C-alpha cells in the first residue's frame, strides 16, 4: 500500500513540495524530541562548536551568542550516527515510504542533519536550491524535512516558491566568492512569491532538490527543529563530495542497488565544501562582507 495518494504524488511533482502529517509514529517522535533536548542540555557546557564527524568537522554547531543561559544549538551533523531514533526515522519510517513513492522503488540515502531554531536565536537561511550544494547526475533527489517540533508561521518555517524546481539552477558563486546564497535580486524575486511550510510535530515537508527555498529567524518562544534527510534514486550518482560525509552515505533504504547511472543535461559551478560545522558560516560571511 502506498504512503502517498495519487493526488499527493501529483502535487509534489507539480509544486516541488508536499507536507504530509504523521510521518513517524508518536512514540518515535517523542524519542526524537528527547534526544534533541538532551543535546541542547549538553550544549550548555560548551562555548564553541564541538564533537567530531568522520571528516573531523564539529558535529554540534552553535549559533553566535550561544550561552549556558540561552543555548543556541543550531545544527547537529549526521545525527543518525549517534541516535538510534534518528536512524530509524531516516531508514524505516513512513517518511521513508513517502520518499520511495516519489522516486522509488530503489532509493538510497545521501546525508542527514538537524537544523534547529531555538527561541531567542537569530539564524536565518538565505535563498538557495539544495541541488547546487549536492549535485547528482540527475535530479531525482528529495530532501525530507521532518518536523520534530510544531512548525508555525512565527518560529522560522521553510519558505518556498511552488514550481521553482522546474526553473533554472541559480549559482551560489558571486564575484569569485562562494556565498551559499543566490544573487540578491533573485532572492528578492522569490521572497515576493514565497509560501510557508507549516505543520504539526511529526509531519514531513518533502522538497524537490531544485526547489528554491529559505527561512527567517524564529521570533517566537517555541523551538523549531527539523531532521533533514536527503535521498536519491539509485541511478542518481553524486558528482561532488557530500557536504556532510557520514558512514551511511549510499545506504539503500528501499529496493535494491541497480549499478546504473542516469544523467540529465545541466551546467553549474561546483560548490565549495564548508570548512566549519555548517554552511551557516558560509552564508554569514557573505552577509558580513
Protein backbone atom coordinates (compact mmCIF):
# COMPACT_ATOMS: atom_id res chain seq x y z
CA UNK A 1 0.00 0.00 0.00
CA UNK A 2 1.39 3.39 -0.98
CA UNK A 3 2.14 6.01 1.68
CA UNK A 4 1.01 8.80 -0.67
CA UNK A 5 -2.21 9.17 -2.60
CA UNK A 6 -2.19 9.87 -6.32
CA UNK A 7 -3.25 13.45 -5.57
CA UNK A 8 -0.31 13.93 -3.21
CA UNK A 9 2.09 12.41 -5.76
CA UNK A 10 0.78 14.74 -8.46
CA UNK A 11 1.00 17.75 -6.13
CA UNK A 12 4.65 17.06 -5.35
CA UNK A 13 5.68 16.86 -8.97
CA UNK A 14 3.61 19.94 -9.84
CA UNK A 15 4.74 22.15 -6.96
CA UNK A 16 8.05 20.58 -5.95
CA UNK A 17 6.91 20.46 -2.32
CA UNK A 18 4.41 18.49 -0.23
CA UNK A 19 3.63 18.39 3.51
CA UNK A 20 2.48 15.04 4.90
CA UNK A 21 1.35 14.59 8.51
CA UNK A 22 2.11 11.60 10.78
CA UNK A 23 5.37 10.73 9.02
CA UNK A 24 6.66 8.99 12.16
CA UNK A 25 4.73 7.26 14.91
CA UNK A 26 4.11 9.12 18.20
CA UNK A 27 6.49 7.00 20.29
CA UNK A 28 9.38 7.57 17.89
CA UNK A 29 8.59 11.29 17.70
CA UNK A 30 8.77 11.53 21.49
CA UNK A 31 12.19 9.85 21.47
CA UNK A 32 13.43 12.20 18.74
CA UNK A 33 12.35 15.16 20.84
CA UNK A 34 14.01 13.70 23.93
CA UNK A 35 17.31 13.06 22.16
CA UNK A 36 17.44 16.60 20.85
CA UNK A 37 16.52 18.07 24.25
CA UNK A 38 19.44 16.12 25.74
CA UNK A 39 21.80 17.58 23.13
CA UNK A 40 20.57 21.08 23.95
CA UNK A 41 21.33 20.47 27.63
CA UNK A 42 24.79 19.16 26.75
CA UNK A 43 25.44 22.24 24.59
CA UNK A 44 25.16 24.46 27.67
CA UNK A 45 28.56 23.15 28.75
CA UNK A 46 30.28 24.35 25.55
CA UNK A 47 31.33 27.72 24.21
CA UNK A 48 32.25 26.67 20.65
CA UNK A 49 31.15 24.01 18.15
CA UNK A 50 32.13 20.58 19.46
CA UNK A 51 32.10 16.86 18.80
CA UNK A 52 33.59 15.25 15.70
CA UNK A 53 32.20 13.75 12.49
CA UNK A 54 34.02 11.27 10.26
CA UNK A 55 35.72 14.12 8.37
CA UNK A 56 36.80 15.85 11.61
CA UNK A 57 34.31 18.70 11.47
CA UNK A 58 32.25 19.57 14.57
CA UNK A 59 29.09 17.53 14.93
CA UNK A 60 27.33 20.13 17.07
CA UNK A 61 27.21 23.68 15.71
CA UNK A 62 26.42 26.64 17.97
CA UNK A 63 24.88 29.93 16.90
CA UNK A 64 26.78 33.14 17.69
CA UNK A 65 25.52 34.35 21.06
CA UNK A 66 25.11 30.83 22.42
CA UNK A 67 25.48 30.60 26.18
CA UNK A 68 24.62 28.26 29.03
CA UNK A 69 21.68 30.51 29.88
CA UNK A 70 20.46 30.86 26.27
CA UNK A 71 21.59 27.82 24.29
CA UNK A 72 21.88 28.20 20.53
CA UNK A 73 22.38 24.66 19.21
CA UNK A 74 21.50 25.23 15.56
CA UNK A 75 22.91 22.17 13.78
CA UNK A 76 23.66 18.52 14.51
CA UNK A 77 25.61 16.93 11.68
CA UNK A 78 24.79 13.28 10.86
CA UNK A 79 22.56 12.71 13.91
CA UNK A 80 21.78 9.21 12.61
CA UNK A 81 25.33 8.20 13.59
CA UNK A 82 24.72 8.99 17.28
CA UNK A 83 20.99 8.30 17.76
CA UNK A 84 19.13 5.08 17.03
CA UNK A 85 15.85 7.04 16.91
CA UNK A 86 17.10 9.43 14.24
CA UNK A 87 18.46 6.49 12.25
CA UNK A 88 15.08 4.77 12.47
CA UNK A 89 13.27 7.89 11.28
CA UNK A 90 15.65 8.15 8.33
CA UNK A 91 15.62 4.49 7.29
CA UNK A 92 12.38 2.83 8.34
CA UNK A 93 9.54 5.27 8.90
CA UNK A 94 6.53 6.42 6.92
CA UNK A 95 8.73 9.35 5.86
CA UNK A 96 10.99 6.87 4.08
CA UNK A 97 7.94 5.26 2.46
CA UNK A 98 6.79 8.66 1.19
CA UNK A 99 10.15 9.28 -0.46
CA UNK A 100 10.03 5.82 -2.05
CA UNK A 101 6.60 6.62 -3.51
CA UNK A 102 8.13 9.68 -5.19
CA UNK A 103 11.45 8.37 -6.53
CA UNK A 104 11.42 4.62 -5.83
CA UNK A 105 11.43 1.73 -5.92
CA UNK A 106 15.22 1.89 -5.45
CA UNK A 107 16.13 4.67 -3.02
CA UNK A 108 19.46 5.45 -1.40
CA UNK A 109 20.40 7.75 1.43
CA UNK A 110 22.82 10.65 0.98
CA UNK A 111 23.18 12.68 4.20
CA UNK A 112 21.32 13.99 7.24
CA UNK A 113 21.43 16.87 9.67
CA UNK A 114 19.30 18.64 12.22
CA UNK A 115 18.64 22.34 11.72
CA UNK A 116 17.13 23.95 14.80
CA UNK A 117 15.99 27.44 15.62
CA UNK A 118 15.71 27.77 19.36
CA UNK A 119 13.86 30.68 20.99
CA UNK A 120 15.85 33.94 21.10
CA UNK A 121 18.01 32.78 18.19
CA UNK A 122 18.96 34.72 15.08
CA UNK A 123 19.66 32.09 12.44
CA UNK A 124 18.10 32.61 9.02
CA UNK A 125 18.65 30.58 5.86
CA UNK A 126 19.25 32.57 2.71
CA UNK A 127 17.55 31.55 -0.53
CA UNK A 128 19.12 28.65 -2.40
CA UNK A 129 18.47 25.28 -4.05
CA UNK A 130 19.80 22.08 -2.48
CA UNK A 131 20.92 20.66 -5.84
CA UNK A 132 23.64 23.29 -6.19
CA UNK A 133 25.10 22.10 -2.86
CA UNK A 134 24.70 18.39 -3.67
CA UNK A 135 24.69 17.95 -7.47
CA UNK A 136 23.93 14.48 -8.83
CA UNK A 137 23.92 13.00 -12.32
CA UNK A 138 20.14 13.52 -12.38
CA UNK A 139 17.71 15.43 -10.18
CA UNK A 140 15.57 12.61 -8.78
CA UNK A 141 16.69 13.77 -5.36
CA UNK A 142 14.35 14.58 -2.46
CA UNK A 143 15.02 16.47 0.75
CA UNK A 144 12.74 15.31 3.57
CA UNK A 145 12.37 17.80 6.43
CA UNK A 146 10.79 16.06 9.42
CA UNK A 147 9.16 18.49 11.86
CA UNK A 148 10.43 17.37 15.27
CA UNK A 149 8.60 20.37 16.72
CA UNK A 150 5.42 22.01 15.51
CA UNK A 151 6.32 24.49 12.78
CA UNK A 152 4.30 27.71 12.88
CA UNK A 153 4.30 30.98 10.98
CA UNK A 154 6.33 32.58 13.80
CA UNK A 155 9.12 30.09 14.56
CA UNK A 156 11.06 30.27 11.30
CA UNK A 157 9.24 27.96 8.86
CA UNK A 158 10.58 26.95 5.50
CA UNK A 159 9.62 29.40 2.75
CA UNK A 160 9.25 28.02 -0.77
CA UNK A 161 8.16 29.02 -4.25
CA UNK A 162 5.94 26.33 -5.74
CA UNK A 163 7.03 25.23 -9.20
CA UNK A 164 10.51 26.73 -8.94
CA UNK A 165 12.02 23.22 -9.24
CA UNK A 166 11.16 23.38 -12.93
CA UNK A 167 13.17 26.58 -13.43
CA UNK A 168 16.82 27.47 -13.72
CA UNK A 169 19.63 26.45 -11.43
CA UNK A 170 20.83 29.62 -9.71
CA UNK A 171 24.51 29.99 -8.88
CA UNK A 172 25.94 30.34 -5.39
CA UNK A 173 29.22 31.93 -6.50
CA UNK A 174 29.33 35.73 -6.83
CA UNK A 175 32.40 37.72 -7.88
CA UNK A 176 34.53 34.63 -7.33
CA UNK A 177 33.23 34.04 -3.79
CA UNK A 178 31.09 31.08 -2.73
CA UNK A 179 28.25 32.65 -0.74
CA UNK A 180 25.90 29.70 -0.30
CA UNK A 181 23.08 32.01 -1.49
CA UNK A 182 21.56 33.07 -4.78
CA UNK A 183 22.03 36.61 -6.02
CA UNK A 184 20.18 39.27 -4.05
CA UNK A 185 17.84 40.22 -6.89
CA UNK A 186 16.86 36.56 -7.44
CA UNK A 187 16.27 36.13 -3.71
CA UNK A 188 14.05 39.23 -3.62
CA UNK A 189 12.01 37.99 -6.56
CA UNK A 190 11.38 34.64 -4.91
CA UNK A 191 10.71 36.16 -1.49
CA UNK A 192 7.85 38.12 -3.00
CA UNK A 193 6.21 34.86 -4.13
CA UNK A 194 7.03 32.72 -1.10
CA UNK A 195 4.64 30.40 0.73
CA UNK A 196 5.19 28.97 4.22
CA UNK A 197 5.52 25.26 5.01
CA UNK A 198 3.99 24.74 8.44
CA UNK A 199 2.68 21.65 10.21
CA UNK A 200 2.36 19.71 13.44
CA UNK A 201 5.21 17.83 15.05
CA UNK A 202 5.66 14.56 13.18
CA UNK A 203 4.79 16.00 9.76
CA UNK A 204 7.32 15.95 6.94
CA UNK A 205 7.91 18.51 4.22
CA UNK A 206 9.06 16.69 1.08
CA UNK A 207 11.01 19.02 -1.17
CA UNK A 208 12.44 18.56 -4.66
CA UNK A 209 16.17 19.19 -4.73
CA UNK A 210 15.82 22.07 -7.22
CA UNK A 211 13.11 23.94 -5.29
CA UNK A 212 14.04 27.48 -4.26
CA UNK A 213 13.72 27.97 -0.50
CA UNK A 214 14.92 29.88 2.54
CA UNK A 215 13.69 30.78 6.02
CA UNK A 216 13.63 33.63 8.51
CA UNK A 217 14.68 33.60 12.19
CA UNK A 218 12.47 32.23 14.95
CA UNK A 219 10.60 35.17 16.50
CA UNK A 220 8.55 33.05 18.90
CA UNK A 221 9.09 31.41 22.28
CA UNK A 222 8.75 27.94 20.71
CA UNK A 223 11.60 25.92 19.15
CA UNK A 224 11.62 24.81 15.53
CA UNK A 225 13.68 21.69 14.99
CA UNK A 226 13.92 19.78 11.69
CA UNK A 227 15.53 16.45 10.89
CA UNK A 228 16.68 16.90 7.30
CA UNK A 229 17.42 13.76 5.25
CA UNK A 230 18.46 13.75 1.61
CA UNK A 231 17.62 10.75 -0.57
CA UNK A 232 18.15 9.97 -4.24
CA UNK A 233 17.00 7.49 -6.82
CA UNK A 234 19.60 4.75 -7.09
CA UNK A 235 20.69 5.87 -10.58
CA UNK A 236 21.38 9.44 -9.40
CA UNK A 237 25.11 9.48 -8.66
CA UNK A 238 26.77 12.35 -6.72
CA UNK A 239 29.13 14.45 -8.84
CA UNK A 240 30.57 16.42 -5.89
CA UNK A 241 31.63 15.24 -2.41
CA UNK A 242 28.90 15.31 0.21
CA UNK A 243 28.89 18.46 2.37
CA UNK A 244 28.22 16.11 5.30
CA UNK A 245 30.08 12.80 4.86
CA UNK A 246 28.72 10.01 7.03
CA UNK A 247 29.12 6.29 7.42
CA UNK A 248 25.67 5.58 5.95
CA UNK A 249 26.12 7.50 2.70
CA UNK A 250 24.86 5.38 -0.19
CA UNK A 251 22.79 3.07 2.04
CA UNK A 252 19.86 1.54 0.16
CA UNK A 253 16.80 2.32 2.29
CA UNK A 254 14.28 0.90 -0.18
CA UNK A 255 14.63 -1.53 -3.08
CA UNK A 256 17.98 -2.72 -4.36
CA UNK A 257 21.14 -1.37 -5.97
CA UNK A 258 20.96 -1.36 -9.77
CA UNK A 259 24.58 -0.39 -10.51
CA UNK A 260 23.32 2.01 -13.16
CA UNK A 261 23.78 5.75 -13.66
CA UNK A 262 21.40 8.11 -15.47
CA UNK A 263 22.39 11.61 -16.49
CA UNK A 264 20.45 14.70 -17.48
CA UNK A 265 21.83 17.84 -19.16
CA UNK A 266 22.66 20.76 -16.89
CA UNK A 267 25.57 23.09 -16.14
CA UNK A 268 26.62 24.65 -12.85
CA UNK A 269 29.69 25.60 -10.84
CA UNK A 270 30.62 23.00 -8.27
CA UNK A 271 30.03 24.05 -4.65
CA UNK A 272 32.69 24.89 -2.12
CA UNK A 273 32.60 22.45 0.77
CA UNK A 274 32.21 24.04 4.22
CA UNK A 275 35.38 24.08 6.30
CA UNK A 276 33.47 24.66 9.54
CA UNK A 277 30.50 22.92 11.13
CA UNK A 278 27.92 24.06 8.57
CA UNK A 279 27.05 26.24 5.60
CA UNK A 280 25.61 28.81 8.02
CA UNK A 281 29.14 30.21 8.33
CA UNK A 282 29.46 30.49 4.55
CA UNK A 283 26.22 32.45 4.32
CA UNK A 284 27.07 34.59 7.36
CA UNK A 285 30.48 35.53 5.91
CA UNK A 286 28.76 36.72 2.73
CA UNK A 287 26.25 38.76 4.75
CA UNK A 288 29.07 40.48 6.65
CA UNK A 289 31.00 41.50 3.52
